[in-house]
Amino acid sequence: MSRILLADRSPHAQRMGERILREEGFEVVTVTSGESALVRLGDADADLALVDVSLPDISGYSICARLKGDASLPRIPVILTVGEFDPFDEQEARRVEADGVVKKPFEASVLSLTVRKLLGRERPKTQPEGASRPVRRQSPPVAIVDPERVRAAVTVAVDAAMPALVDEITRRVLVALSPKPVQSAETQSSIPNPLTPDSHA
């Protein structure tokens, strides 16, 4: 069984990637930082690494460069992963000799195909080559909703909208808390005083 190291800062991306890969028959080791990735690459005996380009301490590009140039680390295929709204430097990816790039949220078929291609593993065939296949009546397509994929997409959208939302709430709170304008002397004099005799006339 092939072992894959999945290094990603996002718990949602980790869970989604791990689930997809385990369903494909891979063993998965997950970490959340670049430093942890380098440690586990030295002892986990991984066959391939999936590395987030935006890890908090060491970028995915740097980890890829280390794997390709450090003789003490295993020379294994490296797939860089990048979020939908994260910056991606294609030239840097080529410079560090990345073997592939996969976007997040992960698409199961894309991730599986990319990993299997680099590991030289094809999906097992269910019947011999050239065997006749029974004709099946085509059923209408059924939409399959992946809760983890939806959750990851919502999380990305909320993260992107959060700064503007915070700014708007802050503005409204400041307006509500700002002191009201003090009435001028002319305005105050026009208001009848209930304590003067004229007010009871």
N, C-alpha and C. Protein backbone atom coordinates (compact mmCIF):
# COMPACT_ATOMS: atom_id res chain seq x y z
N MET A 1 0.84 -1.19 0.00
CA MET A 1 0.00 0.00 0.00
C MET A 1 0.88 1.25 0.00
N SER A 2 0.64 2.16 -0.95
CA SER A 2 1.42 3.39 -1.03
C SER A 2 1.03 4.33 0.11
N ARG A 3 2.03 5.05 0.61
CA ARG A 3 1.81 5.99 1.71
C ARG A 3 2.01 7.41 1.19
N ILE A 4 1.09 8.30 1.54
CA ILE A 4 1.13 9.68 1.08
C ILE A 4 1.19 10.62 2.27
N LEU A 5 2.10 11.58 2.20
CA LEU A 5 2.17 12.63 3.22
C LEU A 5 1.35 13.82 2.72
N LEU A 6 0.37 14.23 3.52
CA LEU A 6 -0.49 15.36 3.17
C LEU A 6 -0.22 16.49 4.16
N ALA A 7 0.42 17.56 3.68
CA ALA A 7 0.75 18.71 4.52
C ALA A 7 -0.12 19.88 4.12
N ASP A 8 -1.04 20.27 5.01
CA ASP A 8 -1.96 21.37 4.68
C ASP A 8 -2.34 22.12 5.94
N ARG A 9 -2.42 23.46 5.82
CA ARG A 9 -2.75 24.29 6.98
C ARG A 9 -4.24 24.26 7.31
N SER A 10 -5.06 23.83 6.36
CA SER A 10 -6.52 23.84 6.54
C SER A 10 -7.03 22.48 7.00
N PRO A 11 -7.70 22.43 8.18
CA PRO A 11 -8.28 21.15 8.63
C PRO A 11 -9.30 20.61 7.65
N HIS A 12 -10.06 21.50 7.00
CA HIS A 12 -11.08 21.05 6.03
C HIS A 12 -10.42 20.37 4.84
N ALA A 13 -9.37 21.00 4.32
CA ALA A 13 -8.67 20.41 3.18
C ALA A 13 -8.01 19.09 3.58
N GLN A 14 -7.47 19.04 4.79
CA GLN A 14 -6.86 17.79 5.27
C GLN A 14 -7.88 16.66 5.31
N ARG A 15 -9.03 16.94 5.92
CA ARG A 15 -10.06 15.89 6.04
C ARG A 15 -10.53 15.43 4.67
N MET A 16 -10.76 16.39 3.77
CA MET A 16 -11.24 16.03 2.44
C MET A 16 -10.20 15.22 1.68
N GLY A 17 -8.94 15.69 1.69
CA GLY A 17 -7.88 14.97 0.98
C GLY A 17 -7.65 13.59 1.55
N GLU A 18 -7.66 13.49 2.87
CA GLU A 18 -7.43 12.20 3.52
C GLU A 18 -8.55 11.22 3.17
N ARG A 19 -9.80 11.70 3.19
CA ARG A 19 -10.92 10.81 2.88
C ARG A 19 -10.84 10.30 1.45
N ILE A 20 -10.56 11.21 0.51
CA ILE A 20 -10.47 10.81 -0.91
C ILE A 20 -9.37 9.78 -1.11
N LEU A 21 -8.20 10.03 -0.54
CA LEU A 21 -7.06 9.14 -0.74
C LEU A 21 -7.25 7.79 -0.07
N ARG A 22 -7.84 7.79 1.14
CA ARG A 22 -8.08 6.50 1.82
C ARG A 22 -9.09 5.66 1.05
N GLU A 23 -10.10 6.33 0.49
CA GLU A 23 -11.08 5.58 -0.32
C GLU A 23 -10.45 4.98 -1.58
N GLU A 24 -9.34 5.58 -2.03
CA GLU A 24 -8.61 5.06 -3.19
C GLU A 24 -7.59 3.99 -2.80
N GLY A 25 -7.52 3.68 -1.51
CA GLY A 25 -6.64 2.61 -1.06
C GLY A 25 -5.25 3.04 -0.63
N PHE A 26 -5.06 4.34 -0.39
CA PHE A 26 -3.76 4.83 0.05
C PHE A 26 -3.73 5.00 1.57
N GLU A 27 -2.54 4.86 2.12
CA GLU A 27 -2.33 5.20 3.53
C GLU A 27 -1.92 6.67 3.57
N VAL A 28 -2.48 7.44 4.53
CA VAL A 28 -2.25 8.88 4.55
C VAL A 28 -1.70 9.32 5.91
N VAL A 29 -0.64 10.13 5.86
CA VAL A 29 -0.07 10.76 7.06
C VAL A 29 -0.29 12.26 6.90
N THR A 30 -0.93 12.91 7.89
CA THR A 30 -1.24 14.34 7.76
C THR A 30 -0.44 15.16 8.76
N VAL A 31 -0.03 16.36 8.31
CA VAL A 31 0.65 17.34 9.17
C VAL A 31 0.13 18.73 8.78
N THR A 32 0.35 19.72 9.68
CA THR A 32 -0.20 21.06 9.45
C THR A 32 0.87 22.13 9.26
N SER A 33 2.15 21.77 9.28
CA SER A 33 3.20 22.77 9.12
C SER A 33 4.34 22.21 8.27
N GLY A 34 5.15 23.13 7.74
CA GLY A 34 6.28 22.71 6.92
C GLY A 34 7.34 21.98 7.72
N GLU A 35 7.57 22.45 8.94
CA GLU A 35 8.58 21.80 9.79
C GLU A 35 8.18 20.37 10.09
N SER A 36 6.90 20.16 10.41
CA SER A 36 6.41 18.80 10.68
C SER A 36 6.51 17.94 9.43
N ALA A 37 6.25 18.55 8.27
CA ALA A 37 6.32 17.80 7.01
C ALA A 37 7.73 17.27 6.78
N LEU A 38 8.74 18.11 7.02
CA LEU A 38 10.13 17.68 6.81
C LEU A 38 10.52 16.57 7.79
N VAL A 39 10.03 16.68 9.03
CA VAL A 39 10.33 15.64 10.03
C VAL A 39 9.70 14.32 9.60
N ARG A 40 8.41 14.36 9.22
CA ARG A 40 7.72 13.12 8.86
C ARG A 40 8.24 12.53 7.55
N LEU A 41 8.71 13.39 6.65
CA LEU A 41 9.28 12.87 5.41
C LEU A 41 10.54 12.06 5.67
N GLY A 42 11.21 12.38 6.77
CA GLY A 42 12.41 11.64 7.12
C GLY A 42 12.14 10.29 7.74
N ASP A 43 10.93 10.12 8.36
CA ASP A 43 10.68 8.86 9.07
C ASP A 43 9.40 8.13 8.65
N ALA A 44 8.56 8.76 7.83
CA ALA A 44 7.27 8.13 7.50
C ALA A 44 7.35 7.20 6.30
N ASP A 45 8.47 7.22 5.57
CA ASP A 45 8.64 6.36 4.40
C ASP A 45 7.51 6.59 3.39
N ALA A 46 7.26 7.87 3.11
CA ALA A 46 6.17 8.21 2.18
C ALA A 46 6.61 7.97 0.74
N ASP A 47 5.62 7.66 -0.11
CA ASP A 47 5.88 7.44 -1.53
C ASP A 47 5.57 8.69 -2.36
N LEU A 48 4.85 9.64 -1.77
CA LEU A 48 4.49 10.86 -2.47
C LEU A 48 4.09 11.90 -1.43
N ALA A 49 4.30 13.18 -1.76
CA ALA A 49 3.94 14.26 -0.84
C ALA A 49 2.98 15.23 -1.52
N LEU A 50 1.91 15.57 -0.80
CA LEU A 50 0.97 16.62 -1.21
C LEU A 50 1.21 17.79 -0.27
N VAL A 51 1.70 18.92 -0.80
CA VAL A 51 2.15 20.00 0.07
C VAL A 51 1.46 21.31 -0.30
N ASP A 52 0.85 21.94 0.69
CA ASP A 52 0.20 23.24 0.52
C ASP A 52 1.26 24.32 0.29
N VAL A 53 1.11 25.13 -0.76
CA VAL A 53 2.11 26.17 -1.03
C VAL A 53 2.12 27.24 0.05
N SER A 54 1.02 27.38 0.81
CA SER A 54 0.89 28.46 1.80
C SER A 54 0.96 27.95 3.23
N LEU A 55 1.81 26.96 3.49
CA LEU A 55 2.00 26.51 4.87
C LEU A 55 2.53 27.69 5.70
N PRO A 56 2.18 27.75 7.00
CA PRO A 56 2.49 28.94 7.80
C PRO A 56 3.96 29.21 8.06
N ASP A 57 4.80 28.17 8.12
CA ASP A 57 6.21 28.39 8.49
C ASP A 57 7.17 28.22 7.31
N ILE A 58 7.03 27.14 6.58
CA ILE A 58 7.89 26.88 5.42
C ILE A 58 6.97 26.65 4.23
N SER A 59 7.15 27.41 3.16
CA SER A 59 6.25 27.29 2.02
C SER A 59 6.39 25.93 1.33
N GLY A 60 5.33 25.56 0.62
CA GLY A 60 5.37 24.32 -0.14
C GLY A 60 6.48 24.32 -1.18
N TYR A 61 6.78 25.50 -1.75
CA TYR A 61 7.87 25.59 -2.72
C TYR A 61 9.20 25.19 -2.08
N SER A 62 9.45 25.72 -0.86
CA SER A 62 10.71 25.43 -0.17
C SER A 62 10.83 23.95 0.19
N ILE A 63 9.71 23.36 0.61
CA ILE A 63 9.72 21.94 0.96
C ILE A 63 10.02 21.11 -0.29
N CYS A 64 9.41 21.48 -1.40
CA CYS A 64 9.66 20.76 -2.66
C CYS A 64 11.13 20.87 -3.05
N ALA A 65 11.70 22.07 -2.94
CA ALA A 65 13.11 22.27 -3.27
C ALA A 65 14.01 21.43 -2.38
N ARG A 66 13.67 21.34 -1.08
CA ARG A 66 14.46 20.52 -0.15
C ARG A 66 14.40 19.05 -0.54
N LEU A 67 13.21 18.59 -0.88
CA LEU A 67 13.05 17.18 -1.25
C LEU A 67 13.82 16.84 -2.52
N LYS A 68 13.86 17.78 -3.45
CA LYS A 68 14.54 17.52 -4.70
C LYS A 68 16.06 17.67 -4.59
N GLY A 69 16.52 18.42 -3.56
CA GLY A 69 17.96 18.69 -3.51
C GLY A 69 18.70 18.15 -2.31
N ASP A 70 17.97 17.67 -1.29
CA ASP A 70 18.62 17.17 -0.07
C ASP A 70 18.74 15.65 -0.14
N ALA A 71 19.95 15.17 -0.19
CA ALA A 71 20.18 13.72 -0.32
C ALA A 71 19.71 12.94 0.90
N SER A 72 19.57 13.61 2.06
CA SER A 72 19.13 12.92 3.27
C SER A 72 17.63 12.69 3.28
N LEU A 73 16.91 13.35 2.38
CA LEU A 73 15.46 13.19 2.31
C LEU A 73 15.10 12.33 1.11
N PRO A 74 13.98 11.59 1.19
CA PRO A 74 13.61 10.73 0.06
C PRO A 74 13.26 11.55 -1.17
N ARG A 75 13.71 11.11 -2.32
CA ARG A 75 13.39 11.82 -3.57
C ARG A 75 12.11 11.22 -4.11
N ILE A 76 11.01 11.84 -3.75
CA ILE A 76 9.69 11.32 -4.11
C ILE A 76 8.93 12.41 -4.89
N PRO A 77 7.88 12.01 -5.61
CA PRO A 77 7.07 13.00 -6.32
C PRO A 77 6.43 13.99 -5.33
N VAL A 78 6.35 15.25 -5.73
CA VAL A 78 5.74 16.28 -4.89
C VAL A 78 4.64 16.98 -5.69
N ILE A 79 3.44 16.97 -5.14
CA ILE A 79 2.31 17.69 -5.73
C ILE A 79 2.04 18.92 -4.86
N LEU A 80 2.10 20.09 -5.45
CA LEU A 80 1.78 21.31 -4.72
C LEU A 80 0.26 21.51 -4.75
N THR A 81 -0.31 21.92 -3.62
CA THR A 81 -1.74 22.21 -3.57
C THR A 81 -1.93 23.69 -3.30
N VAL A 82 -2.95 24.27 -3.92
CA VAL A 82 -3.17 25.72 -3.79
C VAL A 82 -4.66 26.00 -3.68
N GLY A 83 -5.01 26.87 -2.71
CA GLY A 83 -6.41 27.25 -2.50
C GLY A 83 -6.93 28.09 -3.65
N GLU A 84 -8.24 28.12 -3.78
CA GLU A 84 -8.87 28.82 -4.90
C GLU A 84 -8.50 30.30 -4.94
N PHE A 85 -8.32 30.92 -3.76
CA PHE A 85 -8.01 32.35 -3.71
C PHE A 85 -6.57 32.62 -3.28
N ASP A 86 -5.76 31.58 -3.18
CA ASP A 86 -4.36 31.76 -2.79
C ASP A 86 -3.51 32.12 -4.00
N PRO A 87 -2.48 32.95 -3.81
CA PRO A 87 -1.58 33.25 -4.94
C PRO A 87 -0.75 32.02 -5.30
N PHE A 88 -0.51 31.84 -6.58
CA PHE A 88 0.29 30.71 -7.02
C PHE A 88 1.33 31.19 -8.02
N ASP A 89 2.59 30.85 -7.76
CA ASP A 89 3.71 31.26 -8.62
C ASP A 89 4.10 30.06 -9.49
N GLU A 90 3.61 30.06 -10.71
CA GLU A 90 3.87 28.94 -11.62
C GLU A 90 5.35 28.81 -11.94
N GLN A 91 6.02 29.93 -12.09
CA GLN A 91 7.46 29.91 -12.41
C GLN A 91 8.25 29.30 -11.26
N GLU A 92 7.87 29.64 -10.02
CA GLU A 92 8.56 29.08 -8.85
C GLU A 92 8.30 27.58 -8.75
N ALA A 93 7.09 27.16 -9.08
CA ALA A 93 6.76 25.73 -9.05
C ALA A 93 7.64 24.95 -10.03
N ARG A 94 7.88 25.53 -11.20
CA ARG A 94 8.76 24.87 -12.17
C ARG A 94 10.20 24.86 -11.67
N ARG A 95 10.61 25.96 -11.04
CA ARG A 95 11.99 26.07 -10.57
C ARG A 95 12.31 25.00 -9.53
N VAL A 96 11.36 24.73 -8.63
CA VAL A 96 11.61 23.74 -7.56
C VAL A 96 11.29 22.32 -8.03
N GLU A 97 10.93 22.18 -9.32
CA GLU A 97 10.69 20.87 -9.94
C GLU A 97 9.50 20.14 -9.35
N ALA A 98 8.42 20.87 -9.08
CA ALA A 98 7.20 20.22 -8.61
C ALA A 98 6.69 19.27 -9.69
N ASP A 99 6.15 18.13 -9.25
CA ASP A 99 5.68 17.13 -10.20
C ASP A 99 4.24 17.35 -10.64
N GLY A 100 3.52 18.22 -9.92
CA GLY A 100 2.13 18.48 -10.27
C GLY A 100 1.55 19.54 -9.37
N VAL A 101 0.39 20.05 -9.76
CA VAL A 101 -0.33 21.06 -8.97
C VAL A 101 -1.80 20.66 -8.95
N VAL A 102 -2.40 20.71 -7.76
CA VAL A 102 -3.83 20.41 -7.61
C VAL A 102 -4.47 21.55 -6.83
N LYS A 103 -5.62 22.02 -7.33
CA LYS A 103 -6.32 23.12 -6.67
C LYS A 103 -7.28 22.59 -5.60
N LYS A 104 -7.52 23.45 -4.61
CA LYS A 104 -8.47 23.15 -3.54
C LYS A 104 -9.67 24.07 -3.69
N PRO A 105 -10.87 23.63 -3.27
CA PRO A 105 -11.19 22.34 -2.66
C PRO A 105 -10.93 21.18 -3.62
N PHE A 106 -10.46 20.07 -3.06
CA PHE A 106 -10.07 18.93 -3.87
C PHE A 106 -11.26 18.34 -4.63
N GLU A 107 -11.01 18.05 -5.90
CA GLU A 107 -11.96 17.28 -6.71
C GLU A 107 -11.45 15.85 -6.69
N ALA A 108 -12.29 14.92 -6.21
CA ALA A 108 -11.85 13.55 -5.99
C ALA A 108 -11.21 12.92 -7.22
N SER A 109 -11.84 13.07 -8.39
CA SER A 109 -11.32 12.42 -9.60
C SER A 109 -9.97 13.03 -10.01
N VAL A 110 -9.83 14.35 -9.88
CA VAL A 110 -8.58 15.02 -10.26
C VAL A 110 -7.44 14.61 -9.33
N LEU A 111 -7.72 14.64 -8.02
CA LEU A 111 -6.69 14.27 -7.05
C LEU A 111 -6.26 12.83 -7.23
N SER A 112 -7.23 11.94 -7.36
CA SER A 112 -6.92 10.52 -7.52
C SER A 112 -6.11 10.25 -8.79
N LEU A 113 -6.52 10.87 -9.91
CA LEU A 113 -5.83 10.65 -11.18
C LEU A 113 -4.39 11.17 -11.12
N THR A 114 -4.20 12.34 -10.52
CA THR A 114 -2.85 12.93 -10.43
C THR A 114 -1.93 12.07 -9.59
N VAL A 115 -2.44 11.60 -8.46
CA VAL A 115 -1.62 10.78 -7.56
C VAL A 115 -1.29 9.44 -8.22
N ARG A 116 -2.29 8.79 -8.80
CA ARG A 116 -2.06 7.48 -9.41
C ARG A 116 -1.10 7.56 -10.59
N LYS A 117 -1.20 8.65 -11.34
CA LYS A 117 -0.30 8.82 -12.50
C LYS A 117 1.16 8.91 -12.05
N LEU A 118 1.39 9.68 -10.96
CA LEU A 118 2.76 9.84 -10.48
C LEU A 118 3.29 8.58 -9.80
N LEU A 119 2.41 7.80 -9.21
CA LEU A 119 2.84 6.57 -8.56
C LEU A 119 2.83 5.38 -9.51
N GLY A 120 2.36 5.60 -10.74
CA GLY A 120 2.34 4.51 -11.72
C GLY A 120 1.33 3.44 -11.40
N ARG A 121 0.26 3.86 -10.71
CA ARG A 121 -0.78 2.89 -10.34
C ARG A 121 -2.04 3.19 -11.10
N GLU A 122 -2.53 2.19 -11.82
CA GLU A 122 -3.82 2.35 -12.51
C GLU A 122 -4.91 1.78 -11.62
N ARG A 123 -6.12 2.25 -11.86
CA ARG A 123 -7.27 1.71 -11.14
C ARG A 123 -7.45 0.24 -11.53
N PRO A 124 -7.65 -0.68 -10.55
CA PRO A 124 -7.80 -2.10 -10.90
C PRO A 124 -9.00 -2.33 -11.81
N LYS A 125 -8.80 -3.18 -12.82
CA LYS A 125 -9.89 -3.48 -13.75
C LYS A 125 -10.79 -4.55 -13.14
N THR A 126 -12.08 -4.40 -13.40
CA THR A 126 -13.04 -5.33 -12.82
C THR A 126 -13.25 -6.57 -13.69
N GLN A 127 -12.76 -6.52 -14.96
CA GLN A 127 -12.90 -7.67 -15.84
C GLN A 127 -11.75 -7.71 -16.83
N PRO A 128 -11.47 -8.87 -17.41
CA PRO A 128 -10.34 -9.00 -18.34
C PRO A 128 -10.49 -8.09 -19.54
N GLU A 129 -9.34 -7.73 -20.12
CA GLU A 129 -9.31 -6.88 -21.30
C GLU A 129 -10.01 -7.59 -22.45
N GLY A 130 -10.88 -6.89 -23.15
CA GLY A 130 -11.56 -7.44 -24.31
C GLY A 130 -12.83 -8.21 -23.98
N ALA A 131 -13.13 -8.39 -22.72
CA ALA A 131 -14.34 -9.12 -22.35
C ALA A 131 -15.57 -8.28 -22.72
N SER A 132 -16.64 -8.97 -23.14
CA SER A 132 -17.85 -8.23 -23.52
C SER A 132 -18.53 -7.69 -22.26
N ARG A 133 -19.08 -6.51 -22.41
CA ARG A 133 -19.75 -5.89 -21.28
C ARG A 133 -21.25 -5.88 -21.52
N PRO A 134 -22.01 -6.18 -20.48
CA PRO A 134 -23.47 -6.16 -20.66
C PRO A 134 -23.95 -4.74 -20.94
N VAL A 135 -24.95 -4.63 -21.84
CA VAL A 135 -25.52 -3.32 -22.15
C VAL A 135 -26.47 -2.95 -21.03
N ARG A 136 -26.25 -1.78 -20.46
CA ARG A 136 -27.10 -1.32 -19.37
C ARG A 136 -27.95 -0.15 -19.83
N ARG A 137 -29.16 -0.12 -19.33
CA ARG A 137 -30.04 1.00 -19.63
C ARG A 137 -29.48 2.24 -18.92
N GLN A 138 -29.33 3.31 -19.66
CA GLN A 138 -28.76 4.53 -19.10
C GLN A 138 -29.78 5.22 -18.22
N SER A 139 -29.40 5.44 -16.98
CA SER A 139 -30.29 6.12 -16.05
C SER A 139 -29.93 7.60 -16.01
N PRO A 140 -30.90 8.45 -15.66
CA PRO A 140 -30.60 9.88 -15.60
C PRO A 140 -29.54 10.17 -14.56
N PRO A 141 -28.66 11.16 -14.82
CA PRO A 141 -27.60 11.47 -13.86
C PRO A 141 -28.17 11.95 -12.53
N VAL A 142 -27.50 11.53 -11.47
CA VAL A 142 -27.91 11.92 -10.13
C VAL A 142 -26.84 12.82 -9.54
N ALA A 143 -27.25 13.97 -9.07
CA ALA A 143 -26.29 14.91 -8.47
C ALA A 143 -25.87 14.39 -7.09
N ILE A 144 -24.58 14.27 -6.89
CA ILE A 144 -24.05 13.83 -5.60
C ILE A 144 -23.42 15.02 -4.92
N VAL A 145 -23.95 15.37 -3.77
CA VAL A 145 -23.45 16.52 -3.01
C VAL A 145 -22.46 16.03 -1.96
N ASP A 146 -21.26 16.55 -2.02
CA ASP A 146 -20.21 16.20 -1.05
C ASP A 146 -20.23 17.24 0.07
N PRO A 147 -20.70 16.87 1.29
CA PRO A 147 -20.80 17.85 2.38
C PRO A 147 -19.46 18.51 2.71
N GLU A 148 -18.37 17.75 2.67
CA GLU A 148 -17.06 18.32 3.01
C GLU A 148 -16.62 19.35 1.97
N ARG A 149 -16.93 19.09 0.70
CA ARG A 149 -16.57 20.03 -0.36
C ARG A 149 -17.38 21.33 -0.22
N VAL A 150 -18.69 21.16 0.09
CA VAL A 150 -19.53 22.34 0.29
C VAL A 150 -19.04 23.15 1.49
N ARG A 151 -18.72 22.44 2.58
CA ARG A 151 -18.23 23.12 3.79
C ARG A 151 -16.94 23.88 3.51
N ALA A 152 -16.04 23.27 2.74
CA ALA A 152 -14.77 23.92 2.42
C ALA A 152 -15.00 25.16 1.57
N ALA A 153 -15.92 25.06 0.60
CA ALA A 153 -16.20 26.22 -0.26
C ALA A 153 -16.83 27.35 0.53
N VAL A 154 -17.75 27.00 1.46
CA VAL A 154 -18.37 28.03 2.30
C VAL A 154 -17.33 28.68 3.20
N THR A 155 -16.42 27.88 3.75
CA THR A 155 -15.37 28.42 4.62
C THR A 155 -14.50 29.41 3.87
N VAL A 156 -14.14 29.07 2.64
CA VAL A 156 -13.31 29.97 1.82
C VAL A 156 -14.06 31.26 1.55
N ALA A 157 -15.37 31.16 1.23
CA ALA A 157 -16.17 32.35 0.92
C ALA A 157 -16.31 33.25 2.15
N VAL A 158 -16.54 32.64 3.33
CA VAL A 158 -16.68 33.42 4.56
C VAL A 158 -15.36 34.11 4.90
N ASP A 159 -14.25 33.37 4.75
CA ASP A 159 -12.94 33.98 5.02
C ASP A 159 -12.70 35.19 4.12
N ALA A 160 -13.11 35.09 2.85
CA ALA A 160 -12.89 36.19 1.91
C ALA A 160 -13.78 37.40 2.24
N ALA A 161 -15.01 37.13 2.73
CA ALA A 161 -15.95 38.22 3.01
C ALA A 161 -15.76 38.84 4.39
N MET A 162 -15.03 38.15 5.27
CA MET A 162 -14.93 38.59 6.66
C MET A 162 -14.37 40.00 6.84
N PRO A 163 -13.27 40.40 6.16
CA PRO A 163 -12.75 41.76 6.38
C PRO A 163 -13.77 42.85 6.09
N ALA A 164 -14.51 42.71 4.97
CA ALA A 164 -15.52 43.72 4.61
C ALA A 164 -16.64 43.74 5.63
N LEU A 165 -17.04 42.56 6.13
CA LEU A 165 -18.10 42.47 7.12
C LEU A 165 -17.68 43.13 8.43
N VAL A 166 -16.44 42.89 8.83
CA VAL A 166 -15.93 43.51 10.06
C VAL A 166 -15.89 45.02 9.92
N ASP A 167 -15.45 45.53 8.76
CA ASP A 167 -15.40 46.97 8.53
C ASP A 167 -16.79 47.60 8.62
N GLU A 168 -17.78 46.95 8.01
CA GLU A 168 -19.14 47.49 8.01
C GLU A 168 -19.73 47.51 9.42
N ILE A 169 -19.54 46.42 10.17
CA ILE A 169 -20.07 46.38 11.54
C ILE A 169 -19.39 47.43 12.40
N THR A 170 -18.08 47.59 12.24
CA THR A 170 -17.34 48.60 12.99
C THR A 170 -17.88 50.00 12.69
N ARG A 171 -18.13 50.28 11.40
CA ARG A 171 -18.66 51.59 11.03
C ARG A 171 -20.00 51.86 11.68
N ARG A 172 -20.87 50.87 11.68
CA ARG A 172 -22.21 51.05 12.26
C ARG A 172 -22.16 51.23 13.77
N VAL A 173 -21.27 50.48 14.42
CA VAL A 173 -21.13 50.63 15.87
C VAL A 173 -20.61 52.02 16.22
N LEU A 174 -19.63 52.52 15.44
CA LEU A 174 -19.08 53.86 15.69
C LEU A 174 -20.14 54.94 15.49
N VAL A 175 -21.00 54.76 14.47
CA VAL A 175 -22.08 55.72 14.25
C VAL A 175 -23.05 55.71 15.43
N ALA A 176 -23.36 54.51 15.92
CA ALA A 176 -24.31 54.39 17.03
C ALA A 176 -23.73 54.97 18.32
N LEU A 177 -22.42 54.86 18.50
CA LEU A 177 -21.80 55.31 19.75
C LEU A 177 -21.34 56.77 19.70
N SER A 178 -21.36 57.39 18.52
CA SER A 178 -20.87 58.77 18.43
C SER A 178 -21.83 59.71 19.15
N PRO A 179 -21.31 60.76 19.86
CA PRO A 179 -22.18 61.69 20.61
C PRO A 179 -23.09 62.45 19.67
N LYS A 180 -24.35 62.67 20.12
CA LYS A 180 -25.30 63.39 19.29
C LYS A 180 -24.97 64.88 19.34
N PRO A 181 -25.24 65.63 18.26
CA PRO A 181 -24.90 67.06 18.24
C PRO A 181 -25.62 67.84 19.32
N VAL A 182 -24.90 68.78 19.98
CA VAL A 182 -25.48 69.61 21.05
C VAL A 182 -26.31 70.69 20.41
N GLN A 183 -27.51 70.92 20.99
CA GLN A 183 -28.39 71.94 20.44
C GLN A 183 -27.80 73.32 20.66
N SER A 184 -28.01 74.23 19.69
CA SER A 184 -27.51 75.59 19.80
C SER A 184 -28.33 76.37 20.81
N ALA A 185 -27.79 77.52 21.26
CA ALA A 185 -28.48 78.36 22.25
C ALA A 185 -29.80 78.86 21.69
N GLU A 186 -29.85 79.21 20.36
CA GLU A 186 -31.08 79.70 19.76
C GLU A 186 -32.16 78.64 19.78
N THR A 187 -31.75 77.38 19.49
CA THR A 187 -32.72 76.29 19.48
C THR A 187 -33.24 76.04 20.88
N GLN A 188 -32.34 76.07 21.87
CA GLN A 188 -32.75 75.83 23.25
C GLN A 188 -33.71 76.91 23.73
N SER A 189 -33.49 78.19 23.33
CA SER A 189 -34.34 79.29 23.80
C SER A 189 -35.74 79.19 23.24
N SER A 190 -35.91 78.53 22.11
CA SER A 190 -37.23 78.42 21.49
C SER A 190 -38.08 77.34 22.14
N ILE A 191 -37.45 76.50 22.98
CA ILE A 191 -38.18 75.43 23.65
C ILE A 191 -38.75 75.98 24.95
N PRO A 192 -40.09 75.92 25.18
CA PRO A 192 -40.67 76.49 26.41
C PRO A 192 -40.16 75.76 27.64
N ASN A 193 -39.92 76.54 28.70
CA ASN A 193 -39.48 76.00 29.98
C ASN A 193 -40.69 75.82 30.88
N PRO A 194 -40.95 74.62 31.29
CA PRO A 194 -42.16 74.37 32.11
C PRO A 194 -42.08 75.03 33.47
N LEU A 195 -40.92 75.50 33.90
CA LEU A 195 -40.79 76.09 35.24
C LEU A 195 -41.06 77.58 35.25
N THR A 196 -41.17 78.23 34.08
CA THR A 196 -41.43 79.69 34.04
C THR A 196 -42.94 79.95 34.05
N PRO A 197 -43.37 81.10 34.62
CA PRO A 197 -44.83 81.39 34.70
C PRO A 197 -45.49 81.40 33.34
N ASP A 198 -44.74 81.89 32.30
CA ASP A 198 -45.36 82.01 30.98
C ASP A 198 -45.80 80.67 30.44
N SER A 199 -45.10 79.62 30.85
CA SER A 199 -45.44 78.30 30.32
C SER A 199 -46.78 77.80 30.79
N HIS A 200 -47.29 78.40 31.91
CA HIS A 200 -48.60 77.92 32.43
C HIS A 200 -49.73 78.78 31.91
N ALA A 201 -49.41 79.84 31.18
CA ALA A 201 -50.45 80.74 30.71
C ALA A 201 -51.29 80.07 29.62
